mmCIF file of all heavy atoms, coordinates in Angstrom:
data_MODEL
# 
_entry.id   MODEL 
# 
loop_
_atom_site.group_PDB 
_atom_site.id 
_atom_site.type_symbol 
_atom_site.label_atom_id 
_atom_site.label_alt_id 
_atom_site.label_comp_id 
_atom_site.label_asym_id 
_atom_site.label_entity_id 
_atom_site.label_seq_id 
_atom_site.pdbx_PDB_ins_code 
_atom_site.Cartn_x 
_atom_site.Cartn_y 
_atom_site.Cartn_z 
_atom_site.occupancy 
_atom_site.B_iso_or_equiv 
_atom_site.pdbx_formal_charge 
_atom_site.auth_seq_id 
_atom_site.auth_comp_id 
_atom_site.auth_asym_id 
_atom_site.auth_atom_id 
_atom_site.pdbx_PDB_model_num 
ATOM 1   N N   . THR A 1 1  ? -99.914  -134.825 36.309 1.00 0.00 ? 1  THR A N   1 
ATOM 2   C CA  . THR A 1 1  ? -100.494 -133.495 36.100 1.00 0.00 ? 1  THR A CA  1 
ATOM 3   C C   . THR A 1 1  ? -100.786 -132.726 37.451 1.00 0.00 ? 1  THR A C   1 
ATOM 4   O O   . THR A 1 1  ? -101.996 -132.573 37.778 1.00 0.00 ? 1  THR A O   1 
ATOM 5   C CB  . THR A 1 1  ? -101.834 -133.589 35.289 1.00 0.00 ? 1  THR A CB  1 
ATOM 6   O OG1 . THR A 1 1  ? -101.617 -134.614 34.286 1.00 0.00 ? 1  THR A OG1 1 
ATOM 7   C CG2 . THR A 1 1  ? -102.069 -132.276 34.531 1.00 0.00 ? 1  THR A CG2 1 
ATOM 8   N N   . PRO A 1 2  ? -99.837  -132.297 38.104 1.00 0.00 ? 2  PRO A N   1 
ATOM 9   C CA  . PRO A 1 2  ? -99.987  -131.601 39.396 1.00 0.00 ? 2  PRO A CA  1 
ATOM 10  C C   . PRO A 1 2  ? -100.658 -130.256 39.061 1.00 0.00 ? 2  PRO A C   1 
ATOM 11  O O   . PRO A 1 2  ? -100.759 -129.783 37.988 1.00 0.00 ? 2  PRO A O   1 
ATOM 12  C CB  . PRO A 1 2  ? -98.634  -131.440 39.872 1.00 0.00 ? 2  PRO A CB  1 
ATOM 13  C CG  . PRO A 1 2  ? -97.694  -131.441 38.746 1.00 0.00 ? 2  PRO A CG  1 
ATOM 14  C CD  . PRO A 1 2  ? -98.397  -132.375 37.771 1.00 0.00 ? 2  PRO A CD  1 
ATOM 15  N N   . ASP A 1 3  ? -101.189 -129.585 40.190 1.00 0.00 ? 3  ASP A N   1 
ATOM 16  C CA  . ASP A 1 3  ? -101.841 -128.279 40.036 1.00 0.00 ? 3  ASP A CA  1 
ATOM 17  C C   . ASP A 1 3  ? -100.745 -127.181 39.878 1.00 0.00 ? 3  ASP A C   1 
ATOM 18  O O   . ASP A 1 3  ? -101.065 -126.091 39.391 1.00 0.00 ? 3  ASP A O   1 
ATOM 19  C CB  . ASP A 1 3  ? -102.651 -127.991 41.249 1.00 0.00 ? 3  ASP A CB  1 
ATOM 20  C CG  . ASP A 1 3  ? -103.794 -129.002 41.354 1.00 0.00 ? 3  ASP A CG  1 
ATOM 21  O OD1 . ASP A 1 3  ? -104.689 -128.985 40.488 1.00 0.00 ? 3  ASP A OD1 1 
ATOM 22  O OD2 . ASP A 1 3  ? -103.770 -129.812 42.308 1.00 0.00 ? 3  ASP A OD2 1 
ATOM 23  N N   . GLY A 1 4  ? -99.551  -127.443 40.366 1.00 0.00 ? 4  GLY A N   1 
ATOM 24  C CA  . GLY A 1 4  ? -98.483  -126.407 40.217 1.00 0.00 ? 4  GLY A CA  1 
ATOM 25  C C   . GLY A 1 4  ? -97.114  -127.112 40.376 1.00 0.00 ? 4  GLY A C   1 
ATOM 26  O O   . GLY A 1 4  ? -97.025  -128.208 40.948 1.00 0.00 ? 4  GLY A O   1 
ATOM 27  N N   . ILE A 1 5  ? -96.062  -126.486 39.867 1.00 0.00 ? 5  ILE A N   1 
ATOM 28  C CA  . ILE A 1 5  ? -94.697  -126.973 39.941 1.00 0.00 ? 5  ILE A CA  1 
ATOM 29  C C   . ILE A 1 5  ? -93.786  -125.891 40.501 1.00 0.00 ? 5  ILE A C   1 
ATOM 30  O O   . ILE A 1 5  ? -93.859  -124.747 40.094 1.00 0.00 ? 5  ILE A O   1 
ATOM 31  C CB  . ILE A 1 5  ? -94.237  -127.455 38.564 1.00 0.00 ? 5  ILE A CB  1 
ATOM 32  C CG1 . ILE A 1 5  ? -95.113  -128.612 38.052 1.00 0.00 ? 5  ILE A CG1 1 
ATOM 33  C CG2 . ILE A 1 5  ? -92.755  -127.807 38.631 1.00 0.00 ? 5  ILE A CG2 1 
ATOM 34  C CD1 . ILE A 1 5  ? -94.785  -129.018 36.647 1.00 0.00 ? 5  ILE A CD1 1 
ATOM 35  N N   . ILE A 1 6  ? -92.956  -126.294 41.470 1.00 0.00 ? 6  ILE A N   1 
ATOM 36  C CA  . ILE A 1 6  ? -91.816  -125.466 41.872 1.00 0.00 ? 6  ILE A CA  1 
ATOM 37  C C   . ILE A 1 6  ? -90.612  -126.130 41.263 1.00 0.00 ? 6  ILE A C   1 
ATOM 38  O O   . ILE A 1 6  ? -90.303  -127.313 41.524 1.00 0.00 ? 6  ILE A O   1 
ATOM 39  C CB  . ILE A 1 6  ? -91.686  -125.413 43.415 1.00 0.00 ? 6  ILE A CB  1 
ATOM 40  C CG1 . ILE A 1 6  ? -93.002  -124.798 44.058 1.00 0.00 ? 6  ILE A CG1 1 
ATOM 41  C CG2 . ILE A 1 6  ? -90.480  -124.630 43.794 1.00 0.00 ? 6  ILE A CG2 1 
ATOM 42  C CD1 . ILE A 1 6  ? -92.990  -124.786 45.538 1.00 0.00 ? 6  ILE A CD1 1 
ATOM 43  N N   . LEU A 1 7  ? -89.896  -125.407 40.504 1.00 0.00 ? 7  LEU A N   1 
ATOM 44  C CA  . LEU A 1 7  ? -88.796  -125.934 39.617 1.00 0.00 ? 7  LEU A CA  1 
ATOM 45  C C   . LEU A 1 7  ? -87.499  -125.193 39.817 1.00 0.00 ? 7  LEU A C   1 
ATOM 46  O O   . LEU A 1 7  ? -87.354  -123.964 39.711 1.00 0.00 ? 7  LEU A O   1 
ATOM 47  C CB  . LEU A 1 7  ? -89.226  -125.822 38.164 1.00 0.00 ? 7  LEU A CB  1 
ATOM 48  C CG  . LEU A 1 7  ? -88.255  -126.249 37.142 1.00 0.00 ? 7  LEU A CG  1 
ATOM 49  C CD1 . LEU A 1 7  ? -87.994  -127.740 37.125 1.00 0.00 ? 7  LEU A CD1 1 
ATOM 50  C CD2 . LEU A 1 7  ? -88.858  -125.841 35.712 1.00 0.00 ? 7  LEU A CD2 1 
ATOM 51  N N   . ASP A 1 8  ? -86.475  -126.001 40.155 1.00 0.00 ? 8  ASP A N   1 
ATOM 52  C CA  . ASP A 1 8  ? -85.078  -125.459 40.203 1.00 0.00 ? 8  ASP A CA  1 
ATOM 53  C C   . ASP A 1 8  ? -84.509  -125.471 38.859 1.00 0.00 ? 8  ASP A C   1 
ATOM 54  O O   . ASP A 1 8  ? -84.949  -126.229 37.925 1.00 0.00 ? 8  ASP A O   1 
ATOM 55  C CB  . ASP A 1 8  ? -84.225  -126.416 41.161 1.00 0.00 ? 8  ASP A CB  1 
ATOM 56  C CG  . ASP A 1 8  ? -82.845  -125.843 41.391 1.00 0.00 ? 8  ASP A CG  1 
ATOM 57  O OD1 . ASP A 1 8  ? -82.605  -124.591 41.146 1.00 0.00 ? 8  ASP A OD1 1 
ATOM 58  O OD2 . ASP A 1 8  ? -81.970  -126.585 41.885 1.00 0.00 ? 8  ASP A OD2 1 
ATOM 59  N N   . VAL A 1 9  ? -83.481  -124.620 38.532 1.00 0.00 ? 9  VAL A N   1 
ATOM 60  C CA  . VAL A 1 9  ? -82.891  -124.507 37.231 1.00 0.00 ? 9  VAL A CA  1 
ATOM 61  C C   . VAL A 1 9  ? -81.707  -125.480 37.080 1.00 0.00 ? 9  VAL A C   1 
ATOM 62  O O   . VAL A 1 9  ? -81.650  -126.270 36.199 1.00 0.00 ? 9  VAL A O   1 
ATOM 63  C CB  . VAL A 1 9  ? -82.431  -123.088 36.924 1.00 0.00 ? 9  VAL A CB  1 
ATOM 64  C CG1 . VAL A 1 9  ? -81.668  -123.065 35.543 1.00 0.00 ? 9  VAL A CG1 1 
ATOM 65  C CG2 . VAL A 1 9  ? -83.665  -122.158 36.772 1.00 0.00 ? 9  VAL A CG2 1 
ATOM 66  N N   . MET A 1 10 ? -80.717  -125.421 38.014 1.00 0.00 ? 10 MET A N   1 
ATOM 67  C CA  . MET A 1 10 ? -79.515  -126.224 37.946 1.00 0.00 ? 10 MET A CA  1 
ATOM 68  C C   . MET A 1 10 ? -79.804  -127.584 38.505 1.00 0.00 ? 10 MET A C   1 
ATOM 69  O O   . MET A 1 10 ? -79.849  -127.754 39.785 1.00 0.00 ? 10 MET A O   1 
ATOM 70  C CB  . MET A 1 10 ? -78.395  -125.526 38.755 1.00 0.00 ? 10 MET A CB  1 
ATOM 71  C CG  . MET A 1 10 ? -78.093  -124.186 38.152 1.00 0.00 ? 10 MET A CG  1 
ATOM 72  S SD  . MET A 1 10 ? -77.482  -124.170 36.480 1.00 0.00 ? 10 MET A SD  1 
ATOM 73  C CE  . MET A 1 10 ? -75.872  -124.876 36.681 1.00 0.00 ? 10 MET A CE  1 
ATOM 74  N N   . MET A 1 11 ? -80.011  -128.612 37.686 1.00 0.00 ? 11 MET A N   1 
ATOM 75  C CA  . MET A 1 11 ? -80.230  -129.957 38.106 1.00 0.00 ? 11 MET A CA  1 
ATOM 76  C C   . MET A 1 11 ? -79.601  -131.027 37.202 1.00 0.00 ? 11 MET A C   1 
ATOM 77  O O   . MET A 1 11 ? -79.335  -130.774 36.132 1.00 0.00 ? 11 MET A O   1 
ATOM 78  C CB  . MET A 1 11 ? -81.736  -130.279 38.146 1.00 0.00 ? 11 MET A CB  1 
ATOM 79  C CG  . MET A 1 11 ? -82.482  -129.592 39.281 1.00 0.00 ? 11 MET A CG  1 
ATOM 80  S SD  . MET A 1 11 ? -84.165  -130.060 39.290 1.00 0.00 ? 11 MET A SD  1 
ATOM 81  C CE  . MET A 1 11 ? -84.702  -129.466 37.678 1.00 0.00 ? 11 MET A CE  1 
ATOM 82  N N   . PRO A 1 12 ? -79.411  -132.212 37.819 1.00 0.00 ? 12 PRO A N   1 
ATOM 83  C CA  . PRO A 1 12 ? -78.867  -133.275 36.988 1.00 0.00 ? 12 PRO A CA  1 
ATOM 84  C C   . PRO A 1 12 ? -79.948  -133.786 35.921 1.00 0.00 ? 12 PRO A C   1 
ATOM 85  O O   . PRO A 1 12 ? -81.101  -133.579 36.074 1.00 0.00 ? 12 PRO A O   1 
ATOM 86  C CB  . PRO A 1 12 ? -78.586  -134.402 38.003 1.00 0.00 ? 12 PRO A CB  1 
ATOM 87  C CG  . PRO A 1 12 ? -79.288  -134.038 39.251 1.00 0.00 ? 12 PRO A CG  1 
ATOM 88  C CD  . PRO A 1 12 ? -79.593  -132.610 39.210 1.00 0.00 ? 12 PRO A CD  1 
ATOM 89  N N   . LYS A 1 13 ? -79.418  -134.494 34.937 1.00 0.00 ? 13 LYS A N   1 
ATOM 90  C CA  . LYS A 1 13 ? -80.096  -135.157 33.868 1.00 0.00 ? 13 LYS A CA  1 
ATOM 91  C C   . LYS A 1 13 ? -80.794  -134.208 32.882 1.00 0.00 ? 13 LYS A C   1 
ATOM 92  O O   . LYS A 1 13 ? -80.616  -134.288 31.685 1.00 0.00 ? 13 LYS A O   1 
ATOM 93  C CB  . LYS A 1 13 ? -81.116  -136.163 34.394 1.00 0.00 ? 13 LYS A CB  1 
ATOM 94  C CG  . LYS A 1 13 ? -80.472  -137.375 35.094 1.00 0.00 ? 13 LYS A CG  1 
ATOM 95  C CD  . LYS A 1 13 ? -81.407  -138.437 35.423 1.00 0.00 ? 13 LYS A CD  1 
ATOM 96  C CE  . LYS A 1 13 ? -80.625  -139.508 36.213 1.00 0.00 ? 13 LYS A CE  1 
ATOM 97  N NZ  . LYS A 1 13 ? -81.571  -140.495 36.851 1.00 0.00 ? 13 LYS A NZ  1 
ATOM 98  N N   . LEU A 1 14 ? -81.573  -133.239 33.440 1.00 0.00 ? 14 LEU A N   1 
ATOM 99  C CA  . LEU A 1 14 ? -82.303  -132.292 32.561 1.00 0.00 ? 14 LEU A CA  1 
ATOM 100 C C   . LEU A 1 14 ? -82.443  -131.052 33.385 1.00 0.00 ? 14 LEU A C   1 
ATOM 101 O O   . LEU A 1 14 ? -82.926  -131.005 34.471 1.00 0.00 ? 14 LEU A O   1 
ATOM 102 C CB  . LEU A 1 14 ? -83.753  -132.900 32.249 1.00 0.00 ? 14 LEU A CB  1 
ATOM 103 C CG  . LEU A 1 14 ? -84.545  -132.313 31.157 1.00 0.00 ? 14 LEU A CG  1 
ATOM 104 C CD1 . LEU A 1 14 ? -83.859  -132.493 29.799 1.00 0.00 ? 14 LEU A CD1 1 
ATOM 105 C CD2 . LEU A 1 14 ? -85.894  -133.000 31.126 1.00 0.00 ? 14 LEU A CD2 1 
ATOM 106 N N   . SER A 1 15 ? -81.920  -129.982 32.783 1.00 0.00 ? 15 SER A N   1 
ATOM 107 C CA  . SER A 1 15 ? -81.985  -128.676 33.552 1.00 0.00 ? 15 SER A CA  1 
ATOM 108 C C   . SER A 1 15 ? -83.391  -128.232 33.690 1.00 0.00 ? 15 SER A C   1 
ATOM 109 O O   . SER A 1 15 ? -84.296  -128.630 32.901 1.00 0.00 ? 15 SER A O   1 
ATOM 110 C CB  . SER A 1 15 ? -81.103  -127.617 32.848 1.00 0.00 ? 15 SER A CB  1 
ATOM 111 O OG  . SER A 1 15 ? -81.788  -127.061 31.751 1.00 0.00 ? 15 SER A OG  1 
ATOM 112 N N   . GLY A 1 16 ? -83.622  -127.338 34.618 1.00 0.00 ? 16 GLY A N   1 
ATOM 113 C CA  . GLY A 1 16 ? -84.998  -126.802 34.844 1.00 0.00 ? 16 GLY A CA  1 
ATOM 114 C C   . GLY A 1 16 ? -85.552  -126.171 33.522 1.00 0.00 ? 16 GLY A C   1 
ATOM 115 O O   . GLY A 1 16 ? -86.709  -126.332 33.167 1.00 0.00 ? 16 GLY A O   1 
ATOM 116 N N   . LEU A 1 17 ? -84.666  -125.399 32.841 1.00 0.00 ? 17 LEU A N   1 
ATOM 117 C CA  . LEU A 1 17 ? -85.113  -124.727 31.622 1.00 0.00 ? 17 LEU A CA  1 
ATOM 118 C C   . LEU A 1 17 ? -85.396  -125.712 30.493 1.00 0.00 ? 17 LEU A C   1 
ATOM 119 O O   . LEU A 1 17 ? -86.417  -125.543 29.786 1.00 0.00 ? 17 LEU A O   1 
ATOM 120 C CB  . LEU A 1 17 ? -84.102  -123.702 31.132 1.00 0.00 ? 17 LEU A CB  1 
ATOM 121 C CG  . LEU A 1 17 ? -83.947  -122.468 32.037 1.00 0.00 ? 17 LEU A CG  1 
ATOM 122 C CD1 . LEU A 1 17 ? -82.853  -121.529 31.554 1.00 0.00 ? 17 LEU A CD1 1 
ATOM 123 C CD2 . LEU A 1 17 ? -85.311  -121.763 32.256 1.00 0.00 ? 17 LEU A CD2 1 
ATOM 124 N N   . ASP A 1 18 ? -84.621  -126.786 30.367 1.00 0.00 ? 18 ASP A N   1 
ATOM 125 C CA  . ASP A 1 18 ? -84.862  -127.834 29.360 1.00 0.00 ? 18 ASP A CA  1 
ATOM 126 C C   . ASP A 1 18 ? -86.150  -128.553 29.717 1.00 0.00 ? 18 ASP A C   1 
ATOM 127 O O   . ASP A 1 18 ? -86.960  -128.920 28.899 1.00 0.00 ? 18 ASP A O   1 
ATOM 128 C CB  . ASP A 1 18 ? -83.704  -128.810 29.268 1.00 0.00 ? 18 ASP A CB  1 
ATOM 129 C CG  . ASP A 1 18 ? -82.491  -128.167 28.596 1.00 0.00 ? 18 ASP A CG  1 
ATOM 130 O OD1 . ASP A 1 18 ? -82.647  -127.147 27.821 1.00 0.00 ? 18 ASP A OD1 1 
ATOM 131 O OD2 . ASP A 1 18 ? -81.366  -128.692 28.786 1.00 0.00 ? 18 ASP A OD2 1 
ATOM 132 N N   . MET A 1 19 ? -86.344  -128.794 31.017 1.00 0.00 ? 19 MET A N   1 
ATOM 133 C CA  . MET A 1 19 ? -87.542  -129.515 31.491 1.00 0.00 ? 19 MET A CA  1 
ATOM 134 C C   . MET A 1 19 ? -88.809  -128.645 31.168 1.00 0.00 ? 19 MET A C   1 
ATOM 135 O O   . MET A 1 19 ? -89.785  -129.147 30.661 1.00 0.00 ? 19 MET A O   1 
ATOM 136 C CB  . MET A 1 19 ? -87.425  -129.754 32.984 1.00 0.00 ? 19 MET A CB  1 
ATOM 137 C CG  . MET A 1 19 ? -88.544  -130.565 33.546 1.00 0.00 ? 19 MET A CG  1 
ATOM 138 S SD  . MET A 1 19 ? -89.766  -129.369 34.152 1.00 0.00 ? 19 MET A SD  1 
ATOM 139 C CE  . MET A 1 19 ? -91.078  -130.459 34.609 1.00 0.00 ? 19 MET A CE  1 
ATOM 140 N N   . LEU A 1 20 ? -88.650  -127.302 31.428 1.00 0.00 ? 20 LEU A N   1 
ATOM 141 C CA  . LEU A 1 20 ? -89.773  -126.404 31.167 1.00 0.00 ? 20 LEU A CA  1 
ATOM 142 C C   . LEU A 1 20 ? -90.035  -126.353 29.620 1.00 0.00 ? 20 LEU A C   1 
ATOM 143 O O   . LEU A 1 20 ? -91.183  -126.345 29.296 1.00 0.00 ? 20 LEU A O   1 
ATOM 144 C CB  . LEU A 1 20 ? -89.393  -125.035 31.721 1.00 0.00 ? 20 LEU A CB  1 
ATOM 145 C CG  . LEU A 1 20 ? -90.422  -123.965 31.768 1.00 0.00 ? 20 LEU A CG  1 
ATOM 146 C CD1 . LEU A 1 20 ? -91.643  -124.390 32.638 1.00 0.00 ? 20 LEU A CD1 1 
ATOM 147 C CD2 . LEU A 1 20 ? -89.862  -122.738 32.358 1.00 0.00 ? 20 LEU A CD2 1 
ATOM 148 N N   . ARG A 1 21 ? -89.033  -126.374 28.856 1.00 0.00 ? 21 ARG A N   1 
ATOM 149 C CA  . ARG A 1 21 ? -89.196  -126.399 27.386 1.00 0.00 ? 21 ARG A CA  1 
ATOM 150 C C   . ARG A 1 21 ? -90.046  -127.603 26.959 1.00 0.00 ? 21 ARG A C   1 
ATOM 151 O O   . ARG A 1 21 ? -91.009  -127.466 26.215 1.00 0.00 ? 21 ARG A O   1 
ATOM 152 C CB  . ARG A 1 21 ? -87.853  -126.355 26.708 1.00 0.00 ? 21 ARG A CB  1 
ATOM 153 C CG  . ARG A 1 21 ? -87.891  -126.170 25.194 1.00 0.00 ? 21 ARG A CG  1 
ATOM 154 C CD  . ARG A 1 21 ? -86.491  -125.955 24.575 1.00 0.00 ? 21 ARG A CD  1 
ATOM 155 N NE  . ARG A 1 21 ? -85.874  -124.700 25.045 1.00 0.00 ? 21 ARG A NE  1 
ATOM 156 C CZ  . ARG A 1 21 ? -84.880  -124.667 25.874 1.00 0.00 ? 21 ARG A CZ  1 
ATOM 157 N NH1 . ARG A 1 21 ? -84.334  -125.742 26.373 1.00 0.00 ? 21 ARG A NH1 1 
ATOM 158 N NH2 . ARG A 1 21 ? -84.414  -123.481 26.252 1.00 0.00 ? 21 ARG A NH2 1 
ATOM 159 N N   . GLN A 1 22 ? -89.675  -128.750 27.509 1.00 0.00 ? 22 GLN A N   1 
ATOM 160 C CA  . GLN A 1 22 ? -90.391  -129.977 27.072 1.00 0.00 ? 22 GLN A CA  1 
ATOM 161 C C   . GLN A 1 22 ? -91.830  -130.010 27.640 1.00 0.00 ? 22 GLN A C   1 
ATOM 162 O O   . GLN A 1 22 ? -92.736  -130.380 26.959 1.00 0.00 ? 22 GLN A O   1 
ATOM 163 C CB  . GLN A 1 22 ? -89.602  -131.208 27.541 1.00 0.00 ? 22 GLN A CB  1 
ATOM 164 C CG  . GLN A 1 22 ? -88.304  -131.392 26.723 1.00 0.00 ? 22 GLN A CG  1 
ATOM 165 C CD  . GLN A 1 22 ? -87.638  -132.708 27.105 1.00 0.00 ? 22 GLN A CD  1 
ATOM 166 O OE1 . GLN A 1 22 ? -88.204  -133.706 27.428 1.00 0.00 ? 22 GLN A OE1 1 
ATOM 167 N NE2 . GLN A 1 22 ? -86.258  -132.664 27.091 1.00 0.00 ? 22 GLN A NE2 1 
ATOM 168 N N   . LEU A 1 23 ? -91.977  -129.494 28.846 1.00 0.00 ? 23 LEU A N   1 
ATOM 169 C CA  . LEU A 1 23 ? -93.313  -129.443 29.483 1.00 0.00 ? 23 LEU A CA  1 
ATOM 170 C C   . LEU A 1 23 ? -94.214  -128.554 28.684 1.00 0.00 ? 23 LEU A C   1 
ATOM 171 O O   . LEU A 1 23 ? -95.365  -128.905 28.505 1.00 0.00 ? 23 LEU A O   1 
ATOM 172 C CB  . LEU A 1 23 ? -93.099  -128.969 30.927 1.00 0.00 ? 23 LEU A CB  1 
ATOM 173 C CG  . LEU A 1 23 ? -94.412  -129.026 31.794 1.00 0.00 ? 23 LEU A CG  1 
ATOM 174 C CD1 . LEU A 1 23 ? -94.779  -130.443 32.105 1.00 0.00 ? 23 LEU A CD1 1 
ATOM 175 C CD2 . LEU A 1 23 ? -94.237  -128.185 33.023 1.00 0.00 ? 23 LEU A CD2 1 
ATOM 176 N N   . SER A 1 24 ? -93.716  -127.381 28.283 1.00 0.00 ? 24 SER A N   1 
ATOM 177 C CA  . SER A 1 24 ? -94.535  -126.422 27.574 1.00 0.00 ? 24 SER A CA  1 
ATOM 178 C C   . SER A 1 24 ? -94.999  -126.943 26.164 1.00 0.00 ? 24 SER A C   1 
ATOM 179 O O   . SER A 1 24 ? -95.921  -126.401 25.597 1.00 0.00 ? 24 SER A O   1 
ATOM 180 C CB  . SER A 1 24 ? -93.791  -125.113 27.474 1.00 0.00 ? 24 SER A CB  1 
ATOM 181 O OG  . SER A 1 24 ? -92.732  -125.271 26.580 1.00 0.00 ? 24 SER A OG  1 
ATOM 182 N N   . GLN A 1 25 ? -94.313  -128.008 25.693 1.00 0.00 ? 25 GLN A N   1 
ATOM 183 C CA  . GLN A 1 25 ? -94.640  -128.516 24.335 1.00 0.00 ? 25 GLN A CA  1 
ATOM 184 C C   . GLN A 1 25 ? -95.744  -129.597 24.460 1.00 0.00 ? 25 GLN A C   1 
ATOM 185 O O   . GLN A 1 25 ? -96.221  -130.051 23.485 1.00 0.00 ? 25 GLN A O   1 
ATOM 186 C CB  . GLN A 1 25 ? -93.414  -129.043 23.578 1.00 0.00 ? 25 GLN A CB  1 
ATOM 187 C CG  . GLN A 1 25 ? -92.481  -127.913 23.249 1.00 0.00 ? 25 GLN A CG  1 
ATOM 188 C CD  . GLN A 1 25 ? -91.104  -128.442 22.819 1.00 0.00 ? 25 GLN A CD  1 
ATOM 189 O OE1 . GLN A 1 25 ? -90.767  -129.588 22.897 1.00 0.00 ? 25 GLN A OE1 1 
ATOM 190 N NE2 . GLN A 1 25 ? -90.233  -127.539 22.340 1.00 0.00 ? 25 GLN A NE2 1 
ATOM 191 N N   . ASP A 1 26 ? -95.986  -130.007 25.685 1.00 0.00 ? 26 ASP A N   1 
ATOM 192 C CA  . ASP A 1 26 ? -97.015  -130.999 25.915 1.00 0.00 ? 26 ASP A CA  1 
ATOM 193 C C   . ASP A 1 26 ? -98.349  -130.402 26.207 1.00 0.00 ? 26 ASP A C   1 
ATOM 194 O O   . ASP A 1 26 ? -98.443  -129.479 26.963 1.00 0.00 ? 26 ASP A O   1 
ATOM 195 C CB  . ASP A 1 26 ? -96.653  -131.899 27.076 1.00 0.00 ? 26 ASP A CB  1 
ATOM 196 C CG  . ASP A 1 26 ? -97.573  -133.016 27.330 1.00 0.00 ? 26 ASP A CG  1 
ATOM 197 O OD1 . ASP A 1 26 ? -98.618  -132.777 27.984 1.00 0.00 ? 26 ASP A OD1 1 
ATOM 198 O OD2 . ASP A 1 26 ? -97.362  -134.151 26.859 1.00 0.00 ? 26 ASP A OD2 1 
ATOM 199 N N   . PRO A 1 27 ? -99.453  -130.802 25.546 1.00 0.00 ? 27 PRO A N   1 
ATOM 200 C CA  . PRO A 1 27 ? -100.796 -130.151 25.763 1.00 0.00 ? 27 PRO A CA  1 
ATOM 201 C C   . PRO A 1 27 ? -101.220 -130.083 27.221 1.00 0.00 ? 27 PRO A C   1 
ATOM 202 O O   . PRO A 1 27 ? -101.699 -129.116 27.742 1.00 0.00 ? 27 PRO A O   1 
ATOM 203 C CB  . PRO A 1 27 ? -101.746 -130.974 24.940 1.00 0.00 ? 27 PRO A CB  1 
ATOM 204 C CG  . PRO A 1 27 ? -100.898 -131.686 23.917 1.00 0.00 ? 27 PRO A CG  1 
ATOM 205 C CD  . PRO A 1 27 ? -99.559  -131.879 24.522 1.00 0.00 ? 27 PRO A CD  1 
ATOM 206 N N   . LYS A 1 28 ? -100.985 -131.218 27.981 1.00 0.00 ? 28 LYS A N   1 
ATOM 207 C CA  . LYS A 1 28 ? -101.347 -131.221 29.403 1.00 0.00 ? 28 LYS A CA  1 
ATOM 208 C C   . LYS A 1 28 ? -100.308 -130.382 30.200 1.00 0.00 ? 28 LYS A C   1 
ATOM 209 O O   . LYS A 1 28 ? -100.722 -129.607 31.050 1.00 0.00 ? 28 LYS A O   1 
ATOM 210 C CB  . LYS A 1 28 ? -101.341 -132.667 29.976 1.00 0.00 ? 28 LYS A CB  1 
ATOM 211 C CG  . LYS A 1 28 ? -102.552 -133.465 29.707 1.00 0.00 ? 28 LYS A CG  1 
ATOM 212 C CD  . LYS A 1 28 ? -102.552 -134.762 30.529 1.00 0.00 ? 28 LYS A CD  1 
ATOM 213 C CE  . LYS A 1 28 ? -101.263 -135.549 30.474 1.00 0.00 ? 28 LYS A CE  1 
ATOM 214 N NZ  . LYS A 1 28 ? -101.310 -136.892 31.046 1.00 0.00 ? 28 LYS A NZ  1 
# 
């Protein structure tokens, strides 16, 4: 649970947007 995230979009395994989608569905 960092205080902030710097996120790239084009990445292996999980794109930045997919990662953001999953992150936003988690309460923390």
